[in-house]
C-alpha atoms as a PDB file:
ATOM      1  CA  MET A   1     -19.991 101.937 -29.974  1.00  0.00           C
ATOM      2  CA  ASN A   2     -22.216 100.744 -27.122  1.00  0.00           C
ATOM      3  CA  ASP A   3     -22.274 103.564 -24.555  1.00  0.00           C
ATOM      4  CA  ASN A   4     -23.500 101.214 -21.810  1.00  0.00           C
ATOM      5  CA  PHE A   5     -20.409  99.092 -22.308  1.00  0.00           C
ATOM      6  CA  ILE A   6     -18.141 102.126 -21.936  1.00  0.00           C
ATOM      7  CA  ILE A   7     -19.900 103.261 -18.756  1.00  0.00           C
ATOM      8  CA  GLU A   8     -19.719  99.785 -17.202  1.00  0.00           C
ATOM      9  CA  PHE A   9     -16.098  99.508 -18.198  1.00  0.00           C
ATOM     10  CA  ILE A  10     -15.099 102.813 -16.617  1.00  0.00           C
ATOM     11  CA  VAL A  11     -16.957 102.040 -13.393  1.00  0.00           C
ATOM     12  CA  ALA A  12     -15.309  98.610 -13.113  1.00  0.00           C
ATOM     13  CA  MET A  13     -11.750  99.873 -13.719  1.00  0.00           C
ATOM     14  CA  PRO A  14      -9.758 102.662 -12.072  1.00  0.00           C
ATOM     15  CA  PHE A  15      -8.855 103.931 -15.558  1.00  0.00           C
ATOM     16  CA  SER A  16     -10.741 104.897 -18.686  1.00  0.00           C
ATOM     17  CA  ILE A  17     -10.407 103.780 -22.298  1.00  0.00           C
ATOM     18  CA  THR A  18     -11.012 106.305 -25.064  1.00  0.00           C
ATOM     19  CA  GLN A  19     -10.335 106.613 -28.777  1.00  0.00           C
ATOM     20  CA  THR A  20      -7.695 109.116 -29.850  1.00  0.00           C
ATOM     21  CA  THR A  21      -6.508 110.797 -33.022  1.00  0.00           C
ATOM     22  CA  ASN A  22      -4.576 113.496 -31.146  1.00  0.00           C
ATOM     23  CA  GLU A  23      -1.075 113.829 -32.594  1.00  0.00           C
ATOM     24  CA  GLU A  24       0.615 114.391 -29.226  1.00  0.00           C
ATOM     25  CA  THR A  25      -1.155 111.373 -27.739  1.00  0.00           C
ATOM     26  CA  LEU A  26      -0.116 109.233 -30.715  1.00  0.00           C
ATOM     27  CA  LYS A  27       3.473 110.384 -30.161  1.00  0.00           C
ATOM     28  CA  ALA A  28       3.184 109.384 -26.502  1.00  0.00           C
ATOM     29  CA  CYS A  29       1.941 105.948 -27.599  1.00  0.00           C
ATOM     30  CA  ALA A  30       4.868 105.605 -30.014  1.00  0.00           C
ATOM     31  CA  ALA A  31       7.327 106.638 -27.286  1.00  0.00           C
ATOM     32  CA  LEU A  32       5.851 104.057 -24.918  1.00  0.00           C
ATOM     33  CA  MET A  33       6.038 101.343 -27.564  1.00  0.00           C
ATOM     34  CA  CYS A  34       9.616 101.931 -28.721  1.00  0.00           C
ATOM     35  CA  ALA A  35      10.867 101.954 -25.112  1.00  0.00           C
ATOM     36  CA  THR A  36       9.514  98.477 -24.288  1.00  0.00           C
ATOM     37  CA  ASP A  37       9.523  94.946 -25.618  1.00  0.00           C
ATOM     38  CA  PRO A  38       8.597  93.504 -28.030  1.00  0.00           C
ATOM     39  CA  TRP A  39       9.439  96.662 -30.005  1.00  0.00           C
ATOM     40  CA  ILE A  40      12.987  96.868 -28.602  1.00  0.00           C
ATOM     41  CA  THR A  41      13.778  93.290 -29.648  1.00  0.00           C
ATOM     42  CA  LEU A  42      12.052  93.866 -33.004  1.00  0.00           C
ATOM     43  CA  GLN A  43      14.294  96.925 -33.499  1.00  0.00           C
ATOM     44  CA  ARG A  44      11.391  99.342 -33.921  1.00  0.00           C
ATOM     45  CA  ASN A  45      12.327 102.953 -33.254  1.00  0.00           C
ATOM     46  CA  PHE A  46      10.087 105.932 -32.461  1.00  0.00           C
ATOM     47  CA  GLU A  47       9.451 106.750 -36.132  1.00  0.00           C
ATOM     48  CA  ASP A  48       8.482 103.130 -36.880  1.00  0.00           C
ATOM     49  CA  CYS A  49       6.094 103.045 -33.934  1.00  0.00           C
ATOM     50  CA  LEU A  50       4.567 106.414 -34.822  1.00  0.00           C
ATOM     51  CA  ALA A  51       4.068 105.270 -38.426  1.00  0.00           C
ATOM     52  CA  SER A  52       2.176 102.230 -37.104  1.00  0.00           C
ATOM     53  CA  THR A  53      -0.511 104.582 -35.741  1.00  0.00           C
ATOM     54  CA  GLN A  54      -1.208 106.071 -39.180  1.00  0.00           C
ATOM     55  CA  GLY A  55      -3.771 104.875 -41.708  1.00  0.00           C
ATOM     56  CA  SER A  56      -7.344 105.557 -42.680  1.00  0.00           C
ATOM     57  CA  PHE A  57      -8.703 102.260 -41.336  1.00  0.00           C
ATOM     58  CA  LYS A  58      -6.923 102.314 -37.976  1.00  0.00           C
ATOM     59  CA  GLU A  59      -8.482 103.046 -34.630  1.00  0.00           C
ATOM     60  CA  ILE A  60      -6.303 103.832 -31.631  1.00  0.00           C
ATOM     61  CA  TYR A  61      -7.599 103.551 -28.084  1.00  0.00           C
ATOM     62  CA  ILE A  62      -5.751 104.580 -24.946  1.00  0.00           C
ATOM     63  CA  ALA A  63      -6.063 103.602 -21.307  1.00  0.00           C
ATOM     64  CA  THR A  64      -5.493 106.533 -18.977  1.00  0.00           C
ATOM     65  CA  GLU A  65      -5.707 107.242 -15.286  1.00  0.00           C
ATOM     66  CA  GLU A  66      -5.652 110.876 -14.164  1.00  0.00           C
ATOM     67  CA  ASN A  67      -4.250 111.932 -17.582  1.00  0.00           C
ATOM     68  CA  LYS A  68      -1.414 109.373 -17.341  1.00  0.00           C
ATOM     69  CA  LEU A  69      -1.030 107.036 -20.321  1.00  0.00           C
ATOM     70  CA  LEU A  70      -1.205 103.434 -19.104  1.00  0.00           C
ATOM     71  CA  GLY A  71      -1.415 101.722 -22.480  1.00  0.00           C
ATOM     72  CA  CYS A  72      -2.713 101.765 -26.015  1.00  0.00           C
ATOM     73  CA  ILE A  73      -4.158  99.419 -28.595  1.00  0.00           C
ATOM     74  CA  ILE A  74      -4.146  99.839 -32.381  1.00  0.00           C
ATOM     75  CA  LEU A  75      -6.899  98.190 -34.423  1.00  0.00           C
ATOM     76  CA  GLN A  76      -6.982  97.624 -38.181  1.00  0.00           C
ATOM     77  CA  MET A  77     -10.664  97.799 -39.099  1.00  0.00           C
ATOM     78  CA  ALA A  78     -10.652  96.988 -42.838  1.00  0.00           C
ATOM     79  CA  GLY A  79      -9.098  94.488 -45.201  1.00  0.00           C
ATOM     80  CA  THR A  80      -8.725  90.724 -45.219  1.00  0.00           C
ATOM     81  CA  PHE A  81      -8.128  90.575 -41.484  1.00  0.00           C
ATOM     82  CA  LYS A  82     -10.723  93.200 -40.599  1.00  0.00           C
ATOM     83  CA  GLY A  83     -10.673  93.352 -36.833  1.00  0.00           C
ATOM     84  CA  TYR A  84      -6.936  92.856 -36.469  1.00  0.00           C
ATOM     85  CA  ILE A  85      -5.291  93.966 -33.237  1.00  0.00           C
ATOM     86  CA  GLN A  86      -2.133  95.391 -34.746  1.00  0.00           C
ATOM     87  CA  SER A  87      -0.432  96.398 -31.512  1.00  0.00           C
ATOM     88  CA  ILE A  88      -1.078  96.516 -27.810  1.00  0.00           C
ATOM     89  CA  CYS A  89       1.281  98.192 -25.385  1.00  0.00           C
ATOM     90  CA  VAL A  90       1.043  98.589 -21.626  1.00  0.00           C
ATOM     91  CA  ALA A  91       3.400 100.809 -19.644  1.00  0.00           C
ATOM     92  CA  PRO A  92       5.777  98.693 -17.529  1.00  0.00           C
ATOM     93  CA  GLU A  93       4.454 100.184 -14.284  1.00  0.00           C
ATOM     94  CA  ALA A  94       0.861  99.339 -15.292  1.00  0.00           C
ATOM     95  CA  ARG A  95       1.497  95.691 -16.208  1.00  0.00           C
ATOM     96  CA  GLY A  96      -0.206  93.022 -14.145  1.00  0.00           C
ATOM     97  CA  LYS A  97      -3.006  95.421 -13.188  1.00  0.00           C
ATOM     98  CA  GLY A  98      -5.586  94.443 -15.806  1.00  0.00           C
ATOM     99  CA  VAL A  99      -4.819  97.197 -18.315  1.00  0.00           C
ATOM    100  CA  GLY A 100      -3.866  94.829 -21.155  1.00  0.00           C
ATOM    101  CA  THR A 101      -6.843  92.580 -20.509  1.00  0.00           C
ATOM    102  CA  ALA A 102      -9.160  95.594 -20.409  1.00  0.00           C
ATOM    103  CA  LEU A 103      -7.797  96.981 -23.686  1.00  0.00           C
ATOM    104  CA  ILE A 104      -8.212  93.614 -25.403  1.00  0.00           C
ATOM    105  CA  LYS A 105     -11.755  93.106 -24.111  1.00  0.00           C
ATOM    106  CA  PHE A 106     -12.604  96.647 -25.200  1.00  0.00           C
ATOM    107  CA  ALA A 107     -11.199  95.913 -28.678  1.00  0.00           C
ATOM    108  CA  GLU A 108     -13.148  92.649 -28.878  1.00  0.00           C
ATOM    109  CA  GLU A 109     -16.386  94.473 -28.065  1.00  0.00           C
ATOM    110  CA  ARG A 110     -15.651  96.890 -30.924  1.00  0.00           C
ATOM    111  CA  ILE A 111     -14.496  94.272 -33.433  1.00  0.00           C
ATOM    112  CA  PHE A 112     -17.254  91.717 -32.790  1.00  0.00           C
ATOM    113  CA  LYS A 113     -19.757  94.333 -34.018  1.00  0.00           C
ATOM    114  CA  ILE A 114     -18.284  94.170 -37.527  1.00  0.00           C
ATOM    115  CA  SER A 115     -16.639  90.742 -37.704  1.00  0.00           C
ATOM    116  CA  PRO A 116     -16.931  87.335 -36.051  1.00  0.00           C
ATOM    117  CA  ASN A 117     -13.140  87.163 -35.758  1.00  0.00           C
ATOM    118  CA  VAL A 118     -10.435  89.002 -33.881  1.00  0.00           C
ATOM    119  CA  PHE A 119      -6.900  88.425 -35.138  1.00  0.00           C
ATOM    120  CA  MET A 120      -3.530  89.388 -33.698  1.00  0.00           C
ATOM    121  CA  CYS A 121       0.091  88.320 -33.846  1.00  0.00           C
ATOM    122  CA  VAL A 122       2.433  87.773 -30.937  1.00  0.00           C
ATOM    123  CA  SER A 123       6.200  87.472 -31.229  1.00  0.00           C
ATOM    124  CA  SER A 124       7.567  84.031 -30.366  1.00  0.00           C
ATOM    125  CA  PHE A 125       9.803  85.501 -27.650  1.00  0.00           C
ATOM    126  CA  ASN A 126       6.909  87.393 -26.016  1.00  0.00           C
ATOM    127  CA  THR A 127       5.806  84.486 -23.843  1.00  0.00           C
ATOM    128  CA  GLY A 128       4.053  86.554 -21.176  1.00  0.00           C
ATOM    129  CA  ALA A 129       1.766  88.174 -23.730  1.00  0.00           C
ATOM    130  CA  ALA A 130       1.174  84.825 -25.457  1.00  0.00           C
ATOM    131  CA  LYS A 131       0.045  83.318 -22.155  1.00  0.00           C
ATOM    132  CA  LEU A 132      -2.405  86.185 -21.564  1.00  0.00           C
ATOM    133  CA  TYR A 133      -3.852  85.873 -25.063  1.00  0.00           C
ATOM    134  CA  GLU A 134      -4.354  82.131 -24.592  1.00  0.00           C
ATOM    135  CA  GLN A 135      -6.126  82.761 -21.271  1.00  0.00           C
ATOM    136  CA  LEU A 136      -8.408  85.218 -23.093  1.00  0.00           C
ATOM    137  CA  GLY A 137      -9.425  82.539 -25.591  1.00  0.00           C
ATOM    138  CA  TYR A 138      -7.100  83.152 -28.541  1.00  0.00           C
ATOM    139  CA  GLU A 139      -5.946  80.143 -30.549  1.00  0.00           C
ATOM    140  CA  LYS A 140      -2.816  79.760 -32.643  1.00  0.00           C
ATOM    141  CA  ILE A 141      -3.752  79.460 -36.306  1.00  0.00           C
ATOM    142  CA  GLY A 142      -0.406  80.007 -37.976  1.00  0.00           C
ATOM    143  CA  GLU A 143       3.252  80.873 -37.675  1.00  0.00           C
ATOM    144  CA  LEU A 144       5.209  83.369 -39.749  1.00  0.00           C
ATOM    145  CA  LYS A 145       8.832  82.283 -39.382  1.00  0.00           C
ATOM    146  CA  ASP A 146      11.536  84.939 -39.708  1.00  0.00           C
ATOM    147  CA  PHE A 147       8.804  87.476 -40.543  1.00  0.00           C
ATOM    148  CA  ILE A 148      10.172  90.582 -38.808  1.00  0.00           C
ATOM    149  CA  LEU A 149      13.500  89.361 -37.460  1.00  0.00           C
ATOM    150  CA  GLU A 150      15.548  86.338 -38.374  1.00  0.00           C
ATOM    151  CA  GLY A 151      15.296  83.671 -35.710  1.00  0.00           C
ATOM    152  CA  TYR A 152      11.905  84.785 -34.412  1.00  0.00           C
ATOM    153  CA  SER A 153       8.387  83.982 -35.501  1.00  0.00           C
ATOM    154  CA  GLU A 154       5.171  85.943 -35.399  1.00  0.00           C
ATOM    155  CA  ILE A 155       2.378  83.690 -34.179  1.00  0.00           C
ATOM    156  CA  LEU A 156      -1.015  84.437 -35.770  1.00  0.00           C
ATOM    157  CA  LEU A 157      -3.858  84.167 -33.248  1.00  0.00           C
ATOM    158  CA  ARG A 158      -7.625  84.179 -33.652  1.00  0.00           C
ATOM    159  CA  LYS A 159     -10.621  84.461 -31.378  1.00  0.00           C
ATOM    160  CA  THR A 160     -13.971  83.790 -33.002  1.00  0.00           C
ATOM    161  CA  ILE A 161     -17.685  83.911 -32.295  1.00  0.00           C
ATOM    162  CA  GLY A 162     -18.687  82.169 -35.542  1.00  0.00           C
ATOM    163  CA  THR A 163     -18.271  81.936 -39.280  1.00  0.00           C
ATOM    164  CA  LEU A 164     -18.234  84.840 -41.712  1.00  0.00           C
ATOM    165  CA  SER A 165     -21.194  83.395 -43.618  1.00  0.00           C
ATOM    166  CA  ALA A 166     -23.420  83.303 -40.524  1.00  0.00           C
ATOM    167  CA  PHE A 167     -22.303  86.663 -39.089  1.00  0.00           C
ATOM    168  CA  LYS A 168     -24.669  89.642 -38.873  1.00  0.00           C
ATOM    169  CA  ARG A 169     -23.118  93.090 -38.372  1.00  0.00           C
ATOM    170  CA  LYS A 170     -24.189  94.912 -35.218  1.00  0.00           C
ATOM    171  CA  ASP A 171     -23.106  98.473 -35.986  1.00  0.00           C
END
């Protein structure tokens, strides 16, 4: 990870972003997720959300301010969609304050070191998040109809800096 990026990021924002593997912090992330949309609509409970933080190729980053959890982002760093943003969650009271944008930009910095592509899905009913992702340069590349819940789609998004064949790893 580029330490200069982290320092600049912390100075520019009133909160910090750090990686976590701490079990209590992961539980706090799961509690935040299951208490907000899209997880409520997708019928994901605490156990489901906690399970989503587990896995040998996952990286979880949290945004905090004075030890208060503002949000989290879960990255899948191996597999076909290496560099997949699996989940992003921002506490309701922290929304609209740049936390989600900061977490995504942080994730992009990490992912673009190992892949020219960042992928994520957004639920069709989650229009506010979809608008943010579009503003950040993500393009719709597919739709998974009735994937999690009947009547709703998961929209596959991609942001790219080039082709796989031309990409050179930077880690």
